[in-house]
Amino acid sequence: MVISTMKTRHNLADYEAAGLEWHHVPVASAGSSADQLEELLPLLRRELKRAGAVAVHGNRHTDFVAALCAAHLHQAHGVDPEVALAEATGAGLQVTPEACALLGVDEATAGGRSDASVNR
C-alpha cells in the first residue's frame, strides 16, 4: 500500500502499473492538514495490521509524513510524539514548526527545524 500525500497525482499510475494499492490524500502543507491527518490515521492503522508494508509518499517537504507517522506511533504504541518527531529528524525527515503544532508538540523538544536550516 502506498499512501500519497502529494498535492498532485504524481506516480499514482506507476503504483497501479506495479500492482500496488494506493490511496491519495493531497496535503498542501502541514500547517493546514489536520483533516488529512484525521483521515489517514485510521487508514494507516488498518493497513499496518495486514501483512505487507505501507509507504507514505510526500513531496520534497516531509513534515506532514513525519507528523503522520509520529501520530500513528503515539496512537498504536504509546510513543511520545516528541520522541517520534525527534527520531524522524534524526532519520533525515524535515520536522517544521507546523508539523510540531499539528501534534501539539514543543518544537524545541522535538528537534524541529525551519525550512531555512534544511539541506536541499
PDB file of N, CA and C in Angstrom:
ATOM      1  N   MET A   1       0.848  -1.178   0.000  1.00  0.00           N
ATOM      2  CA  MET A   1       0.000   0.000   0.000  1.00  0.00           C
ATOM      3  C   MET A   1       0.888   1.233   0.000  1.00  0.00           C
ATOM      4  N   VAL A   2       0.555   2.167  -0.860  1.00  0.00           N
ATOM      5  CA  VAL A   2       1.225   3.462  -0.886  1.00  0.00           C
ATOM      6  C   VAL A   2       0.194   4.526  -0.534  1.00  0.00           C
ATOM      7  N   ILE A   3       0.512   5.337   0.440  1.00  0.00           N
ATOM      8  CA  ILE A   3      -0.306   6.486   0.771  1.00  0.00           C
ATOM      9  C   ILE A   3       0.420   7.703   0.214  1.00  0.00           C
ATOM     10  N   SER A   4      -0.193   8.351  -0.749  1.00  0.00           N
ATOM     11  CA  SER A   4       0.405   9.538  -1.357  1.00  0.00           C
ATOM     12  C   SER A   4      -0.231  10.782  -0.768  1.00  0.00           C
ATOM     13  N   THR A   5       0.634  11.669  -0.269  1.00  0.00           N
ATOM     14  CA  THR A   5       0.146  12.942   0.266  1.00  0.00           C
ATOM     15  C   THR A   5       0.585  14.097  -0.624  1.00  0.00           C
ATOM     16  N   MET A   6       1.051  13.766  -1.812  1.00  0.00           N
ATOM     17  CA  MET A   6       1.482  14.812  -2.743  1.00  0.00           C
ATOM     18  C   MET A   6       0.277  15.632  -3.205  1.00  0.00           C
ATOM     19  N   LYS A   7       0.516  16.894  -3.504  1.00  0.00           N
ATOM     20  CA  LYS A   7      -0.579  17.757  -3.981  1.00  0.00           C
ATOM     21  C   LYS A   7      -1.090  17.294  -5.340  1.00  0.00           C
ATOM     22  N   THR A   8      -0.216  16.703  -6.121  1.00  0.00           N
ATOM     23  CA  THR A   8      -0.587  16.235  -7.458  1.00  0.00           C
ATOM     24  C   THR A   8      -0.811  14.722  -7.427  1.00  0.00           C
ATOM     25  N   ARG A   9      -1.260  14.192  -8.535  1.00  0.00           N
ATOM     26  CA  ARG A   9      -1.475  12.749  -8.648  1.00  0.00           C
ATOM     27  C   ARG A   9      -0.220  12.043  -9.177  1.00  0.00           C
ATOM     28  N   HIS A  10       0.916  12.666  -8.953  1.00  0.00           N
ATOM     29  CA  HIS A  10       2.210  12.178  -9.415  1.00  0.00           C
ATOM     30  C   HIS A  10       2.456  10.739  -8.939  1.00  0.00           C
ATOM     31  N   ASN A  11       2.849   9.872  -9.849  1.00  0.00           N
ATOM     32  CA  ASN A  11       3.227   8.478  -9.597  1.00  0.00           C
ATOM     33  C   ASN A  11       2.066   7.521  -9.362  1.00  0.00           C
ATOM     34  N   LEU A  12       0.844   7.971  -9.272  1.00  0.00           N
ATOM     35  CA  LEU A  12      -0.258   7.057  -8.985  1.00  0.00           C
ATOM     36  C   LEU A  12      -0.398   5.986 -10.067  1.00  0.00           C
ATOM     37  N   ALA A  13      -0.251   6.366 -11.324  1.00  0.00           N
ATOM     38  CA  ALA A  13      -0.332   5.393 -12.415  1.00  0.00           C
ATOM     39  C   ALA A  13       0.810   4.380 -12.313  1.00  0.00           C
ATOM     40  N   ASP A  14       1.975   4.830 -11.877  1.00  0.00           N
ATOM     41  CA  ASP A  14       3.104   3.921 -11.707  1.00  0.00           C
ATOM     42  C   ASP A  14       2.843   2.919 -10.589  1.00  0.00           C
ATOM     43  N   TYR A  15       2.241   3.361  -9.491  1.00  0.00           N
ATOM     44  CA  TYR A  15       1.895   2.439  -8.408  1.00  0.00           C
ATOM     45  C   TYR A  15       0.934   1.376  -8.930  1.00  0.00           C
ATOM     46  N   GLU A  16      -0.058   1.823  -9.666  1.00  0.00           N
ATOM     47  CA  GLU A  16      -1.057   0.898 -10.202  1.00  0.00           C
ATOM     48  C   GLU A  16      -0.419  -0.095 -11.166  1.00  0.00           C
ATOM     49  N   ALA A  17       0.438   0.408 -12.055  1.00  0.00           N
ATOM     50  CA  ALA A  17       1.118  -0.462 -13.021  1.00  0.00           C
ATOM     51  C   ALA A  17       1.992  -1.497 -12.314  1.00  0.00           C
ATOM     52  N   ALA A  18       2.523  -1.146 -11.154  1.00  0.00           N
ATOM     53  CA  ALA A  18       3.356  -2.066 -10.384  1.00  0.00           C
ATOM     54  C   ALA A  18       2.521  -3.029  -9.536  1.00  0.00           C
ATOM     55  N   GLY A  19       1.193  -2.870  -9.577  1.00  0.00           N
ATOM     56  CA  GLY A  19       0.317  -3.752  -8.821  1.00  0.00           C
ATOM     57  C   GLY A  19       0.166  -3.371  -7.360  1.00  0.00           C
ATOM     58  N   LEU A  20       0.495  -2.131  -7.043  1.00  0.00           N
ATOM     59  CA  LEU A  20       0.382  -1.665  -5.664  1.00  0.00           C
ATOM     60  C   LEU A  20      -0.956  -0.985  -5.428  1.00  0.00           C
ATOM     61  N   GLU A  21      -1.528  -1.243  -4.276  1.00  0.00           N
ATOM     62  CA  GLU A  21      -2.703  -0.479  -3.863  1.00  0.00           C
ATOM     63  C   GLU A  21      -2.214   0.907  -3.468  1.00  0.00           C
ATOM     64  N   TRP A  22      -3.068   1.919  -3.655  1.00  0.00           N
ATOM     65  CA  TRP A  22      -2.684   3.268  -3.266  1.00  0.00           C
ATOM     66  C   TRP A  22      -3.901   4.041  -2.792  1.00  0.00           C
ATOM     67  N   HIS A  23      -3.616   5.065  -2.010  1.00  0.00           N
ATOM     68  CA  HIS A  23      -4.651   5.976  -1.518  1.00  0.00           C
ATOM     69  C   HIS A  23      -4.052   7.380  -1.591  1.00  0.00           C
ATOM     70  N   HIS A  24      -4.754   8.295  -2.223  1.00  0.00           N
ATOM     71  CA  HIS A  24      -4.238   9.643  -2.423  1.00  0.00           C
ATOM     72  C   HIS A  24      -5.030  10.650  -1.610  1.00  0.00           C
ATOM     73  N   VAL A  25      -4.331  11.376  -0.752  1.00  0.00           N
ATOM     74  CA  VAL A  25      -4.914  12.474   0.022  1.00  0.00           C
ATOM     75  C   VAL A  25      -3.962  13.651  -0.117  1.00  0.00           C
ATOM     76  N   PRO A  26      -4.302  14.627  -0.972  1.00  0.00           N
ATOM     77  CA  PRO A  26      -3.393  15.756  -1.168  1.00  0.00           C
ATOM     78  C   PRO A  26      -3.250  16.610   0.096  1.00  0.00           C
ATOM     79  N   VAL A  27      -2.005  16.945   0.401  1.00  0.00           N
ATOM     80  CA  VAL A  27      -1.696  17.789   1.554  1.00  0.00           C
ATOM     81  C   VAL A  27      -0.921  19.001   1.045  1.00  0.00           C
ATOM     82  N   ALA A  28      -1.518  20.174   1.189  1.00  0.00           N
ATOM     83  CA  ALA A  28      -0.858  21.405   0.729  1.00  0.00           C
ATOM     84  C   ALA A  28       0.299  21.783   1.653  1.00  0.00           C
ATOM     85  N   SER A  29       0.076  21.671   2.958  1.00  0.00           N
ATOM     86  CA  SER A  29       1.128  21.978   3.927  1.00  0.00           C
ATOM     87  C   SER A  29       0.742  21.364   5.266  1.00  0.00           C
ATOM     88  N   ALA A  30       1.743  21.118   6.095  1.00  0.00           N
ATOM     89  CA  ALA A  30       1.476  20.551   7.414  1.00  0.00           C
ATOM     90  C   ALA A  30       0.646  21.516   8.263  1.00  0.00           C
ATOM     91  N   GLY A  31       0.791  22.799   7.999  1.00  0.00           N
ATOM     92  CA  GLY A  31       0.076  23.801   8.783  1.00  0.00           C
ATOM     93  C   GLY A  31      -1.427  23.802   8.585  1.00  0.00           C
ATOM     94  N   SER A  32      -1.881  23.224   7.489  1.00  0.00           N
ATOM     95  CA  SER A  32      -3.327  23.207   7.218  1.00  0.00           C
ATOM     96  C   SER A  32      -3.804  21.787   6.908  1.00  0.00           C
ATOM     97  N   SER A  33      -3.316  20.823   7.687  1.00  0.00           N
ATOM     98  CA  SER A  33      -3.591  19.433   7.326  1.00  0.00           C
ATOM     99  C   SER A  33      -4.225  18.600   8.429  1.00  0.00           C
ATOM    100  N   ALA A  34      -4.875  19.223   9.378  1.00  0.00           N
ATOM    101  CA  ALA A  34      -5.497  18.468  10.467  1.00  0.00           C
ATOM    102  C   ALA A  34      -6.546  17.485   9.944  1.00  0.00           C
ATOM    103  N   ASP A  35      -7.338  17.897   8.957  1.00  0.00           N
ATOM    104  CA  ASP A  35      -8.359  17.000   8.407  1.00  0.00           C
ATOM    105  C   ASP A  35      -7.732  15.796   7.716  1.00  0.00           C
ATOM    106  N   GLN A  36      -6.637  16.021   6.981  1.00  0.00           N
ATOM    107  CA  GLN A  36      -5.956  14.925   6.301  1.00  0.00           C
ATOM    108  C   GLN A  36      -5.332  13.959   7.311  1.00  0.00           C
ATOM    109  N   LEU A  37      -4.785  14.507   8.386  1.00  0.00           N
ATOM    110  CA  LEU A  37      -4.227  13.657   9.438  1.00  0.00           C
ATOM    111  C   LEU A  37      -5.313  12.757  10.012  1.00  0.00           C
ATOM    112  N   GLU A  38      -6.460  13.334  10.311  1.00  0.00           N
ATOM    113  CA  GLU A  38      -7.567  12.552  10.873  1.00  0.00           C
ATOM    114  C   GLU A  38      -8.101  11.519   9.891  1.00  0.00           C
ATOM    115  N   GLU A  39      -8.041  11.809   8.601  1.00  0.00           N
ATOM    116  CA  GLU A  39      -8.466  10.830   7.594  1.00  0.00           C
ATOM    117  C   GLU A  39      -7.479   9.675   7.471  1.00  0.00           C
ATOM    118  N   LEU A  40      -6.190   9.995   7.530  1.00  0.00           N
ATOM    119  CA  LEU A  40      -5.173   8.984   7.252  1.00  0.00           C
ATOM    120  C   LEU A  40      -4.810   8.106   8.447  1.00  0.00           C
ATOM    121  N   LEU A  41      -4.967   8.590   9.653  1.00  0.00           N
ATOM    122  CA  LEU A  41      -4.600   7.773  10.818  1.00  0.00           C
ATOM    123  C   LEU A  41      -5.343   6.438  10.873  1.00  0.00           C
ATOM    124  N   PRO A  42      -6.661   6.409  10.704  1.00  0.00           N
ATOM    125  CA  PRO A  42      -7.343   5.103  10.729  1.00  0.00           C
ATOM    126  C   PRO A  42      -6.921   4.199   9.560  1.00  0.00           C
ATOM    127  N   LEU A  43      -6.692   4.789   8.401  1.00  0.00           N
ATOM    128  CA  LEU A  43      -6.248   4.007   7.250  1.00  0.00           C
ATOM    129  C   LEU A  43      -4.877   3.388   7.526  1.00  0.00           C
ATOM    130  N   LEU A  44      -3.962   4.180   8.047  1.00  0.00           N
ATOM    131  CA  LEU A  44      -2.627   3.687   8.351  1.00  0.00           C
ATOM    132  C   LEU A  44      -2.693   2.567   9.384  1.00  0.00           C
ATOM    133  N   ARG A  45      -3.467   2.773  10.413  1.00  0.00           N
ATOM    134  CA  ARG A  45      -3.608   1.738  11.456  1.00  0.00           C
ATOM    135  C   ARG A  45      -4.162   0.444  10.869  1.00  0.00           C
ATOM    136  N   ARG A  46      -5.193   0.560  10.050  1.00  0.00           N
ATOM    137  CA  ARG A  46      -5.812  -0.624   9.433  1.00  0.00           C
ATOM    138  C   ARG A  46      -4.835  -1.343   8.507  1.00  0.00           C
ATOM    139  N   GLU A  47      -4.150  -0.586   7.672  1.00  0.00           N
ATOM    140  CA  GLU A  47      -3.233  -1.194   6.703  1.00  0.00           C
ATOM    141  C   GLU A  47      -2.026  -1.843   7.381  1.00  0.00           C
ATOM    142  N   LEU A  48      -1.581  -1.290   8.503  1.00  0.00           N
ATOM    143  CA  LEU A  48      -0.426  -1.858   9.186  1.00  0.00           C
ATOM    144  C   LEU A  48      -0.765  -3.121   9.970  1.00  0.00           C
ATOM    145  N   LYS A  49      -2.042  -3.412  10.128  1.00  0.00           N
ATOM    146  CA  LYS A  49      -2.457  -4.671  10.766  1.00  0.00           C
ATOM    147  C   LYS A  49      -2.349  -5.839   9.784  1.00  0.00           C
ATOM    148  N   ARG A  50      -2.371  -5.534   8.493  1.00  0.00           N
ATOM    149  CA  ARG A  50      -2.278  -6.562   7.460  1.00  0.00           C
ATOM    150  C   ARG A  50      -0.817  -6.911   7.207  1.00  0.00           C
ATOM    151  N   ALA A  51      -0.612  -8.067   6.596  1.00  0.00           N
ATOM    152  CA  ALA A  51       0.750  -8.436   6.188  1.00  0.00           C
ATOM    153  C   ALA A  51       1.193  -7.506   5.061  1.00  0.00           C
ATOM    154  N   GLY A  52       2.456  -7.204   5.016  1.00  0.00           N
ATOM    155  CA  GLY A  52       2.978  -6.327   3.975  1.00  0.00           C
ATOM    156  C   GLY A  52       3.521  -5.050   4.568  1.00  0.00           C
ATOM    157  N   ALA A  53       3.627  -4.054   3.719  1.00  0.00           N
ATOM    158  CA  ALA A  53       4.222  -2.787   4.132  1.00  0.00           C
ATOM    159  C   ALA A  53       3.360  -1.626   3.654  1.00  0.00           C
ATOM    160  N   VAL A  54       3.560  -0.485   4.277  1.00  0.00           N
ATOM    161  CA  VAL A  54       2.899   0.753   3.877  1.00  0.00           C
ATOM    162  C   VAL A  54       3.988   1.798   3.654  1.00  0.00           C
ATOM    163  N   ALA A  55       3.942   2.439   2.509  1.00  0.00           N
ATOM    164  CA  ALA A  55       4.846   3.549   2.220  1.00  0.00           C
ATOM    165  C   ALA A  55       4.021   4.825   2.204  1.00  0.00           C
ATOM    166  N   VAL A  56       4.518   5.853   2.861  1.00  0.00           N
ATOM    167  CA  VAL A  56       3.864   7.158   2.843  1.00  0.00           C
ATOM    168  C   VAL A  56       4.730   8.069   1.989  1.00  0.00           C
ATOM    169  N   HIS A  57       4.162   8.536   0.887  1.00  0.00           N
ATOM    170  CA  HIS A  57       4.905   9.326  -0.094  1.00  0.00           C
ATOM    171  C   HIS A  57       4.430  10.768  -0.051  1.00  0.00           C
ATOM    172  N   GLY A  58       5.334  11.653   0.305  1.00  0.00           N
ATOM    173  CA  GLY A  58       5.043  13.078   0.276  1.00  0.00           C
ATOM    174  C   GLY A  58       5.906  13.744  -0.767  1.00  0.00           C
ATOM    175  N   ASN A  59       5.762  15.031  -0.876  1.00  0.00           N
ATOM    176  CA  ASN A  59       6.634  15.753  -1.802  1.00  0.00           C
ATOM    177  C   ASN A  59       7.976  15.994  -1.114  1.00  0.00           C
ATOM    178  N   ARG A  60       8.765  16.921  -1.596  1.00  0.00           N
ATOM    179  CA  ARG A  60      10.101  17.123  -1.020  1.00  0.00           C
ATOM    180  C   ARG A  60      10.055  17.628   0.407  1.00  0.00           C
ATOM    181  N   HIS A  61       8.939  18.169   0.840  1.00  0.00           N
ATOM    182  CA  HIS A  61       8.772  18.576   2.235  1.00  0.00           C
ATOM    183  C   HIS A  61       8.178  17.378   2.980  1.00  0.00           C
ATOM    184  N   THR A  62       8.917  16.841   3.923  1.00  0.00           N
ATOM    185  CA  THR A  62       8.498  15.612   4.595  1.00  0.00           C
ATOM    186  C   THR A  62       7.866  15.853   5.960  1.00  0.00           C
ATOM    187  N   ASP A  63       7.517  17.104   6.255  1.00  0.00           N
ATOM    188  CA  ASP A  63       6.997  17.406   7.589  1.00  0.00           C
ATOM    189  C   ASP A  63       5.668  16.723   7.887  1.00  0.00           C
ATOM    190  N   PHE A  64       4.749  16.685   6.917  1.00  0.00           N
ATOM    191  CA  PHE A  64       3.479  16.021   7.175  1.00  0.00           C
ATOM    192  C   PHE A  64       3.671  14.516   7.322  1.00  0.00           C
ATOM    193  N   VAL A  65       4.525  13.933   6.508  1.00  0.00           N
ATOM    194  CA  VAL A  65       4.813  12.497   6.608  1.00  0.00           C
ATOM    195  C   VAL A  65       5.354  12.183   8.003  1.00  0.00           C
ATOM    196  N   ALA A  66       6.277  13.001   8.496  1.00  0.00           N
ATOM    197  CA  ALA A  66       6.826  12.805   9.839  1.00  0.00           C
ATOM    198  C   ALA A  66       5.731  12.916  10.895  1.00  0.00           C
ATOM    199  N   ALA A  67       4.856  13.909  10.756  1.00  0.00           N
ATOM    200  CA  ALA A  67       3.774  14.099  11.731  1.00  0.00           C
ATOM    201  C   ALA A  67       2.790  12.929  11.694  1.00  0.00           C
ATOM    202  N   LEU A  68       2.440  12.457  10.512  1.00  0.00           N
ATOM    203  CA  LEU A  68       1.518  11.327  10.380  1.00  0.00           C
ATOM    204  C   LEU A  68       2.098  10.081  11.050  1.00  0.00           C
ATOM    205  N   CYS A  69       3.350   9.794  10.778  1.00  0.00           N
ATOM    206  CA  CYS A  69       3.979   8.608  11.360  1.00  0.00           C
ATOM    207  C   CYS A  69       4.120   8.745  12.874  1.00  0.00           C
ATOM    208  N   ALA A  70       4.474   9.942  13.349  1.00  0.00           N
ATOM    209  CA  ALA A  70       4.579  10.167  14.793  1.00  0.00           C
ATOM    210  C   ALA A  70       3.218  10.006  15.467  1.00  0.00           C
ATOM    211  N   ALA A  71       2.178  10.524  14.845  1.00  0.00           N
ATOM    212  CA  ALA A  71       0.823  10.383  15.408  1.00  0.00           C
ATOM    213  C   ALA A  71       0.410   8.915  15.445  1.00  0.00           C
ATOM    214  N   HIS A  72       0.730   8.179  14.398  1.00  0.00           N
ATOM    215  CA  HIS A  72       0.412   6.751  14.381  1.00  0.00           C
ATOM    216  C   HIS A  72       1.151   6.014  15.500  1.00  0.00           C
ATOM    217  N   LEU A  73       2.454   6.282  15.648  1.00  0.00           N
ATOM    218  CA  LEU A  73       3.228   5.623  16.693  1.00  0.00           C
ATOM    219  C   LEU A  73       2.672   5.942  18.078  1.00  0.00           C
ATOM    220  N   HIS A  74       2.191   7.153  18.249  1.00  0.00           N
ATOM    221  CA  HIS A  74       1.593   7.538  19.528  1.00  0.00           C
ATOM    222  C   HIS A  74       0.298   6.759  19.772  1.00  0.00           C
ATOM    223  N   GLN A  75      -0.579   6.742  18.779  1.00  0.00           N
ATOM    224  CA  GLN A  75      -1.866   6.058  18.941  1.00  0.00           C
ATOM    225  C   GLN A  75      -1.717   4.546  19.076  1.00  0.00           C
ATOM    226  N   ALA A  76      -0.880   3.954  18.252  1.00  0.00           N
ATOM    227  CA  ALA A  76      -0.790   2.496  18.196  1.00  0.00           C
ATOM    228  C   ALA A  76       0.147   1.898  19.244  1.00  0.00           C
ATOM    229  N   HIS A  77       1.178   2.656  19.641  1.00  0.00           N
ATOM    230  CA  HIS A  77       2.201   2.070  20.504  1.00  0.00           C
ATOM    231  C   HIS A  77       2.571   2.926  21.711  1.00  0.00           C
ATOM    232  N   GLY A  78       1.885   4.059  21.891  1.00  0.00           N
ATOM    233  CA  GLY A  78       2.140   4.901  23.044  1.00  0.00           C
ATOM    234  C   GLY A  78       3.450   5.668  23.008  1.00  0.00           C
ATOM    235  N   VAL A  79       4.063   5.783  21.833  1.00  0.00           N
ATOM    236  CA  VAL A  79       5.317   6.530  21.714  1.00  0.00           C
ATOM    237  C   VAL A  79       5.009   8.021  21.833  1.00  0.00           C
ATOM    238  N   ASP A  80       5.775   8.700  22.663  1.00  0.00           N
ATOM    239  CA  ASP A  80       5.599  10.144  22.826  1.00  0.00           C
ATOM    240  C   ASP A  80       5.829  10.816  21.469  1.00  0.00           C
ATOM    241  N   PRO A  81       4.910  11.664  21.010  1.00  0.00           N
ATOM    242  CA  PRO A  81       5.081  12.329  19.714  1.00  0.00           C
ATOM    243  C   PRO A  81       6.374  13.141  19.616  1.00  0.00           C
ATOM    244  N   GLU A  82       6.814  13.730  20.736  1.00  0.00           N
ATOM    245  CA  GLU A  82       8.073  14.479  20.707  1.00  0.00           C
ATOM    246  C   GLU A  82       9.246  13.555  20.382  1.00  0.00           C
ATOM    247  N   VAL A  83       9.229  12.371  20.969  1.00  0.00           N
ATOM    248  CA  VAL A  83      10.283  11.393  20.714  1.00  0.00           C
ATOM    249  C   VAL A  83      10.223  10.926  19.261  1.00  0.00           C
ATOM    250  N   ALA A  84       9.017  10.635  18.777  1.00  0.00           N
ATOM    251  CA  ALA A  84       8.862  10.168  17.400  1.00  0.00           C
ATOM    252  C   ALA A  84       9.312  11.226  16.393  1.00  0.00           C
ATOM    253  N   LEU A  85       8.984  12.489  16.659  1.00  0.00           N
ATOM    254  CA  LEU A  85       9.426  13.552  15.746  1.00  0.00           C
ATOM    255  C   LEU A  85      10.935  13.759  15.821  1.00  0.00           C
ATOM    256  N   ALA A  86      11.504  13.621  17.010  1.00  0.00           N
ATOM    257  CA  ALA A  86      12.959  13.730  17.130  1.00  0.00           C
ATOM    258  C   ALA A  86      13.638  12.606  16.359  1.00  0.00           C
ATOM    259  N   GLU A  87      13.082  11.410  16.418  1.00  0.00           N
ATOM    260  CA  GLU A  87      13.618  10.284  15.649  1.00  0.00           C
ATOM    261  C   GLU A  87      13.482  10.540  14.151  1.00  0.00           C
ATOM    262  N   ALA A  88      12.363  11.119  13.748  1.00  0.00           N
ATOM    263  CA  ALA A  88      12.165  11.448  12.333  1.00  0.00           C
ATOM    264  C   ALA A  88      13.216  12.443  11.866  1.00  0.00           C
ATOM    265  N   THR A  89      13.505  13.437  12.702  1.00  0.00           N
ATOM    266  CA  THR A  89      14.542  14.408  12.376  1.00  0.00           C
ATOM    267  C   THR A  89      15.896  13.704  12.236  1.00  0.00           C
ATOM    268  N   GLY A  90      16.183  12.809  13.158  1.00  0.00           N
ATOM    269  CA  GLY A  90      17.431  12.064  13.112  1.00  0.00           C
ATOM    270  C   GLY A  90      17.556  11.187  11.875  1.00  0.00           C
ATOM    271  N   ALA A  91      16.422  10.749  11.345  1.00  0.00           N
ATOM    272  CA  ALA A  91      16.416   9.918  10.141  1.00  0.00           C
ATOM    273  C   ALA A  91      16.453  10.747   8.866  1.00  0.00           C
ATOM    274  N   GLY A  92      16.451  12.085   9.017  1.00  0.00           N
ATOM    275  CA  GLY A  92      16.568  12.951   7.850  1.00  0.00           C
ATOM    276  C   GLY A  92      15.276  13.566   7.361  1.00  0.00           C
ATOM    277  N   LEU A  93      14.159  13.291   8.041  1.00  0.00           N
ATOM    278  CA  LEU A  93      12.914  13.928   7.641  1.00  0.00           C
ATOM    279  C   LEU A  93      12.892  15.358   8.155  1.00  0.00           C
ATOM    280  N   GLN A  94      12.157  16.176   7.463  1.00  0.00           N
ATOM    281  CA  GLN A  94      12.014  17.582   7.826  1.00  0.00           C
ATOM    282  C   GLN A  94      10.891  17.703   8.855  1.00  0.00           C
ATOM    283  N   VAL A  95      11.206  18.243  10.012  1.00  0.00           N
ATOM    284  CA  VAL A  95      10.193  18.485  11.040  1.00  0.00           C
ATOM    285  C   VAL A  95      10.123  19.990  11.253  1.00  0.00           C
ATOM    286  N   THR A  96       9.033  20.570  10.811  1.00  0.00           N
ATOM    287  CA  THR A  96       8.853  22.021  10.859  1.00  0.00           C
ATOM    288  C   THR A  96       8.027  22.419  12.084  1.00  0.00           C
ATOM    289  N   PRO A  97       8.016  23.713  12.391  1.00  0.00           N
ATOM    290  CA  PRO A  97       7.131  24.188  13.461  1.00  0.00           C
ATOM    291  C   PRO A  97       5.664  23.815  13.194  1.00  0.00           C
ATOM    292  N   GLU A  98       5.259  23.811  11.930  1.00  0.00           N
ATOM    293  CA  GLU A  98       3.876  23.462  11.586  1.00  0.00           C
ATOM    294  C   GLU A  98       3.576  21.997  11.898  1.00  0.00           C
ATOM    295  N   ALA A  99       4.535  21.112  11.636  1.00  0.00           N
ATOM    296  CA  ALA A  99       4.342  19.691  11.947  1.00  0.00           C
ATOM    297  C   ALA A  99       4.245  19.494  13.450  1.00  0.00           C
ATOM    298  N   CYS A 100       5.082  20.206  14.203  1.00  0.00           N
ATOM    299  CA  CYS A 100       5.018  20.129  15.664  1.00  0.00           C
ATOM    300  C   CYS A 100       3.675  20.635  16.177  1.00  0.00           C
ATOM    301  N   ALA A 101       3.221  21.771  15.640  1.00  0.00           N
ATOM    302  CA  ALA A 101       1.943  22.346  16.064  1.00  0.00           C
ATOM    303  C   ALA A 101       0.785  21.406  15.746  1.00  0.00           C
ATOM    304  N   LEU A 102       0.865  20.710  14.620  1.00  0.00           N
ATOM    305  CA  LEU A 102      -0.190  19.770  14.229  1.00  0.00           C
ATOM    306  C   LEU A 102      -0.396  18.702  15.302  1.00  0.00           C
ATOM    307  N   LEU A 103       0.705  18.326  15.967  1.00  0.00           N
ATOM    308  CA  LEU A 103       0.625  17.294  17.003  1.00  0.00           C
ATOM    309  C   LEU A 103       0.636  17.865  18.414  1.00  0.00           C
ATOM    310  N   GLY A 104       0.686  19.202  18.525  1.00  0.00           N
ATOM    311  CA  GLY A 104       0.710  19.824  19.847  1.00  0.00           C
ATOM    312  C   GLY A 104       2.010  19.573  20.584  1.00  0.00           C
ATOM    313  N   VAL A 105       3.106  19.567  19.832  1.00  0.00           N
ATOM    314  CA  VAL A 105       4.418  19.246  20.378  1.00  0.00           C
ATOM    315  C   VAL A 105       5.290  20.492  20.402  1.00  0.00           C
ATOM    316  N   ASP A 106       6.107  20.619  21.447  1.00  0.00           N
ATOM    317  CA  ASP A 106       7.059  21.724  21.547  1.00  0.00           C
ATOM    318  C   ASP A 106       8.171  21.508  20.527  1.00  0.00           C
ATOM    319  N   GLU A 107       8.334  22.460  19.640  1.00  0.00           N
ATOM    320  CA  GLU A 107       9.318  22.345  18.558  1.00  0.00           C
ATOM    321  C   GLU A 107      10.731  22.110  19.083  1.00  0.00           C
ATOM    322  N   ALA A 108      11.122  22.767  20.135  1.00  0.00           N
ATOM    323  CA  ALA A 108      12.484  22.633  20.664  1.00  0.00           C
ATOM    324  C   ALA A 108      12.747  21.211  21.160  1.00  0.00           C
ATOM    325  N   THR A 109      11.757  20.606  21.773  1.00  0.00           N
ATOM    326  CA  THR A 109      11.913  19.254  22.297  1.00  0.00           C
ATOM    327  C   THR A 109      11.931  18.218  21.188  1.00  0.00           C
ATOM    328  N   ALA A 110      11.190  18.487  20.124  1.00  0.00           N
ATOM    329  CA  ALA A 110      11.079  17.521  19.023  1.00  0.00           C
ATOM    330  C   ALA A 110      12.216  17.627  18.033  1.00  0.00           C
ATOM    331  N   GLY A 111      13.068  18.609  18.206  1.00  0.00           N
ATOM    332  CA  GLY A 111      14.166  18.759  17.248  1.00  0.00           C
ATOM    333  C   GLY A 111      13.716  19.345  15.942  1.00  0.00           C
ATOM    334  N   GLY A 112      12.584  20.058  15.971  1.00  0.00           N
ATOM    335  CA  GLY A 112      12.076  20.681  14.750  1.00  0.00           C
ATOM    336  C   GLY A 112      13.034  21.705  14.202  1.00  0.00           C
ATOM    337  N   ARG A 113      12.934  21.915  12.916  1.00  0.00           N
ATOM    338  CA  ARG A 113      13.799  22.909  12.278  1.00  0.00           C
ATOM    339  C   ARG A 113      13.028  23.599  11.168  1.00  0.00           C
ATOM    340  N   SER A 114      13.432  24.793  10.875  1.00  0.00           N
ATOM    341  CA  SER A 114      12.738  25.560   9.847  1.00  0.00           C
ATOM    342  C   SER A 114      13.223  25.160   8.467  1.00  0.00           C
ATOM    343  N   ASP A 115      12.468  25.543   7.445  1.00  0.00           N
ATOM    344  CA  ASP A 115      12.855  25.267   6.067  1.00  0.00           C
ATOM    345  C   ASP A 115      14.246  25.804   5.771  1.00  0.00           C
ATOM    346  N   ALA A 116      14.611  26.925   6.354  1.00  0.00           N
ATOM    347  CA  ALA A 116      15.884  27.571   6.050  1.00  0.00           C
ATOM    348  C   ALA A 116      17.077  26.743   6.501  1.00  0.00           C
ATOM    349  N   SER A 117      16.888  25.886   7.501  1.00  0.00           N
ATOM    350  CA  SER A 117      18.023  25.136   8.013  1.00  0.00           C
ATOM    351  C   SER A 117      18.156  23.745   7.392  1.00  0.00           C
ATOM    352  N   VAL A 118      17.265  23.391   6.504  1.00  0.00           N
ATOM    353  CA  VAL A 118      17.298  22.060   5.898  1.00  0.00           C
ATOM    354  C   VAL A 118      18.191  22.074   4.678  1.00  0.00           C
ATOM    355  N   ASN A 119      19.106  21.106   4.610  1.00  0.00           N
ATOM    356  CA  ASN A 119      19.951  20.976   3.418  1.00  0.00           C
ATOM    357  C   ASN A 119      19.121  20.444   2.270  1.00  0.00           C
ATOM    358  N   ARG A 120      19.266  21.055   1.115  1.00  0.00           N
ATOM    359  CA  ARG A 120      18.490  20.602  -0.041  1.00  0.00           C
ATOM    360  C   ARG A 120      19.409  20.147  -1.120  1.00  0.00           C
TER     361      ARG A 120
END
